[in-house]
């Protein structure tokens, strides 16, 4: 009987709680779906600005029609899912919502937001066309960076 209890408790630390919780699984799924949504739109659906038909007109979007009709809203959906997943992971029932995880999540989000904005400002004048995703967002890159920083503040409210 004691062997069974030890096996069931392998992912539970009495001081920190369970390593995997339903909230943490949902947060990971939201982050993965958000990344997949952005990548699929950018690679598979988004019209290539350099591709032209025989008539000289730009080639329209490929893939599902609803994604092509959403255009830039696909980035709102994708980044929204990523940020929502990060916000859910700031809860104390997840590993990122307790102890050192809070600091890692907070600093990670702050740094990602800062780096996103700095990269945008450094490359915005000439070379932004060569950076995937950033080339489509334009000034909205600032909102993405500020969004990551705002999620960092949700982690900061959990810091003890």
Protein backbone atom coordinates (compact mmCIF):
# COMPACT_ATOMS: atom_id res chain seq x y z
CA UNK A 1 0.00 0.00 0.00
CA UNK A 2 2.79 2.44 0.82
CA UNK A 3 4.40 1.71 -2.53
CA UNK A 4 1.23 2.76 -4.33
CA UNK A 5 1.08 6.03 -2.40
CA UNK A 6 4.71 6.80 -3.20
CA UNK A 7 4.09 6.22 -6.90
CA UNK A 8 1.00 8.43 -6.90
CA UNK A 9 2.88 11.21 -5.12
CA UNK A 10 5.86 11.41 -7.48
CA UNK A 11 4.65 14.60 -9.13
CA UNK A 12 3.53 16.25 -5.89
CA UNK A 13 5.87 18.17 -3.63
CA UNK A 14 4.27 18.91 -0.25
CA UNK A 15 5.67 22.44 -0.21
CA UNK A 16 5.06 23.39 -3.82
CA UNK A 17 2.00 21.37 -4.85
CA UNK A 18 1.46 19.32 -8.00
CA UNK A 19 3.73 19.81 -10.99
CA UNK A 20 0.95 19.27 -13.50
CA UNK A 21 -2.52 20.67 -12.93
CA UNK A 22 -5.47 21.00 -15.33
CA UNK A 23 -4.96 24.77 -15.42
CA UNK A 24 -1.31 24.31 -16.41
CA UNK A 25 -2.25 21.87 -19.19
CA UNK A 26 -4.84 24.33 -20.53
CA UNK A 27 -2.25 27.14 -20.40
CA UNK A 28 0.26 25.06 -22.35
CA UNK A 29 -2.38 24.14 -24.93
CA UNK A 30 -3.40 27.79 -25.37
CA UNK A 31 0.21 28.85 -25.87
CA UNK A 32 0.84 26.04 -28.38
CA UNK A 33 -2.37 26.76 -30.31
CA UNK A 34 -1.55 30.50 -30.42
CA UNK A 35 1.92 29.82 -31.83
CA UNK A 36 0.52 27.30 -34.31
CA UNK A 37 -2.19 29.76 -35.41
CA UNK A 38 0.35 32.49 -36.17
CA UNK A 39 2.76 30.13 -37.93
CA UNK A 40 0.00 28.53 -40.03
CA UNK A 41 -1.39 31.91 -41.06
CA UNK A 42 2.02 33.31 -41.91
CA UNK A 43 3.30 30.27 -43.81
CA UNK A 44 0.16 28.72 -45.25
CA UNK A 45 -2.60 31.29 -45.61
CA UNK A 46 -1.09 34.78 -45.83
CA UNK A 47 -0.80 36.07 -49.40
CA UNK A 48 2.79 36.43 -50.55
CA UNK A 49 3.35 40.13 -51.34
CA UNK A 50 5.88 39.24 -54.05
CA UNK A 51 3.74 36.66 -55.87
CA UNK A 52 1.82 37.92 -58.90
CA UNK A 53 -0.61 36.20 -61.26
CA UNK A 54 -0.17 36.21 -65.04
CA UNK A 55 -2.30 39.38 -65.15
CA UNK A 56 0.07 41.15 -62.75
CA UNK A 57 -2.38 41.11 -59.85
CA UNK A 58 -1.31 39.96 -56.38
CA UNK A 59 -2.07 36.37 -55.51
CA UNK A 60 -4.81 36.09 -52.89
CA UNK A 61 -4.62 34.11 -49.68
CA UNK A 62 -4.54 30.34 -49.80
CA UNK A 63 -5.80 27.91 -47.19
CA UNK A 64 -9.11 28.21 -45.34
CA UNK A 65 -11.21 31.13 -46.55
CA UNK A 66 -12.16 32.26 -43.06
CA UNK A 67 -8.49 32.70 -42.11
CA UNK A 68 -7.78 34.63 -45.30
CA UNK A 69 -10.74 36.91 -44.60
CA UNK A 70 -9.51 37.67 -41.08
CA UNK A 71 -6.19 39.05 -42.40
CA UNK A 72 -4.40 40.83 -39.51
CA UNK A 73 -6.98 39.65 -36.98
CA UNK A 74 -5.19 36.29 -37.17
CA UNK A 75 -2.32 37.88 -35.28
CA UNK A 76 -4.75 39.18 -32.63
CA UNK A 77 -6.13 35.66 -32.22
CA UNK A 78 -2.68 34.05 -32.10
CA UNK A 79 -1.03 36.51 -29.75
CA UNK A 80 -4.22 36.68 -27.67
CA UNK A 81 -4.11 32.91 -27.14
CA UNK A 82 -0.41 33.07 -26.22
CA UNK A 83 -0.93 35.90 -23.73
CA UNK A 84 -4.06 34.26 -22.28
CA UNK A 85 -2.11 31.03 -21.77
CA UNK A 86 0.63 32.94 -19.98
CA UNK A 87 -1.93 34.71 -17.79
CA UNK A 88 -3.51 31.36 -16.85
CA UNK A 89 -0.08 29.98 -15.97
CA UNK A 90 0.40 32.76 -13.39
CA UNK A 91 -2.12 31.07 -11.07
CA UNK A 92 -0.65 29.49 -7.90
CA UNK A 93 -1.91 26.03 -8.94
CA UNK A 94 0.65 25.94 -11.78
CA UNK A 95 4.45 25.63 -11.52
CA UNK A 96 4.92 29.14 -12.95
CA UNK A 97 2.56 30.59 -10.35
CA UNK A 98 4.58 29.48 -7.32
CA UNK A 99 7.94 30.35 -5.78
CA UNK A 100 10.71 30.76 -8.37
CA UNK A 101 8.31 30.18 -11.26
CA UNK A 102 6.74 33.58 -10.62
CA UNK A 103 10.07 35.35 -10.99
CA UNK A 104 10.95 33.34 -14.10
CA UNK A 105 7.57 34.08 -15.69
CA UNK A 106 7.67 37.75 -14.75
CA UNK A 107 11.21 38.41 -15.95
CA UNK A 108 10.69 36.24 -19.02
CA UNK A 109 7.62 38.20 -20.11
CA UNK A 110 9.27 41.54 -19.36
CA UNK A 111 12.36 40.59 -21.37
CA UNK A 112 10.40 39.17 -24.31
CA UNK A 113 8.34 42.38 -24.46
CA UNK A 114 11.42 44.59 -24.21
CA UNK A 115 13.32 42.60 -26.84
CA UNK A 116 10.30 42.62 -29.16
CA UNK A 117 10.02 46.42 -28.98
CA UNK A 118 13.81 46.95 -29.29
CA UNK A 119 14.05 44.67 -32.34
CA UNK A 120 11.13 46.51 -33.91
CA UNK A 121 12.73 49.91 -33.34
CA UNK A 122 16.17 48.84 -34.54
CA UNK A 123 14.89 47.27 -37.77
CA UNK A 124 11.80 49.39 -38.45
CA UNK A 125 13.39 51.81 -40.92
CA UNK A 126 15.04 49.49 -43.42
CA UNK A 127 15.15 45.80 -42.63
CA UNK A 128 11.76 45.02 -41.10
CA UNK A 129 10.68 43.28 -44.32
CA UNK A 130 13.13 40.46 -43.63
CA UNK A 131 11.75 39.61 -40.15
CA UNK A 132 8.79 37.20 -40.28
CA UNK A 133 5.57 38.24 -38.50
CA UNK A 134 7.02 41.64 -37.59
CA UNK A 135 6.86 42.71 -41.24
CA UNK A 136 3.07 42.25 -41.28
CA UNK A 137 2.36 43.92 -37.95
CA UNK A 138 4.01 47.31 -38.50
CA UNK A 139 3.20 49.64 -35.60
CA UNK A 140 1.21 46.87 -33.91
CA UNK A 141 4.56 45.37 -32.88
CA UNK A 142 4.47 47.88 -30.02
CA UNK A 143 1.19 46.39 -28.79
CA UNK A 144 2.69 42.90 -28.86
CA UNK A 145 5.67 44.03 -26.78
CA UNK A 146 3.50 45.95 -24.34
CA UNK A 147 1.16 42.93 -24.13
CA UNK A 148 4.02 40.69 -23.02
CA UNK A 149 5.03 43.30 -20.44
CA UNK A 150 1.44 43.49 -19.17
CA UNK A 151 1.43 39.71 -18.70
CA UNK A 152 4.67 40.15 -16.76
CA UNK A 153 2.74 42.34 -14.33
CA UNK A 154 0.21 39.52 -13.77
CA UNK A 155 3.16 37.42 -12.60
CA UNK A 156 4.41 40.32 -10.50
CA UNK A 157 1.17 40.39 -8.52
CA UNK A 158 1.88 36.79 -7.41
CA UNK A 159 5.40 37.50 -6.20
CA UNK A 160 5.92 37.15 -2.46
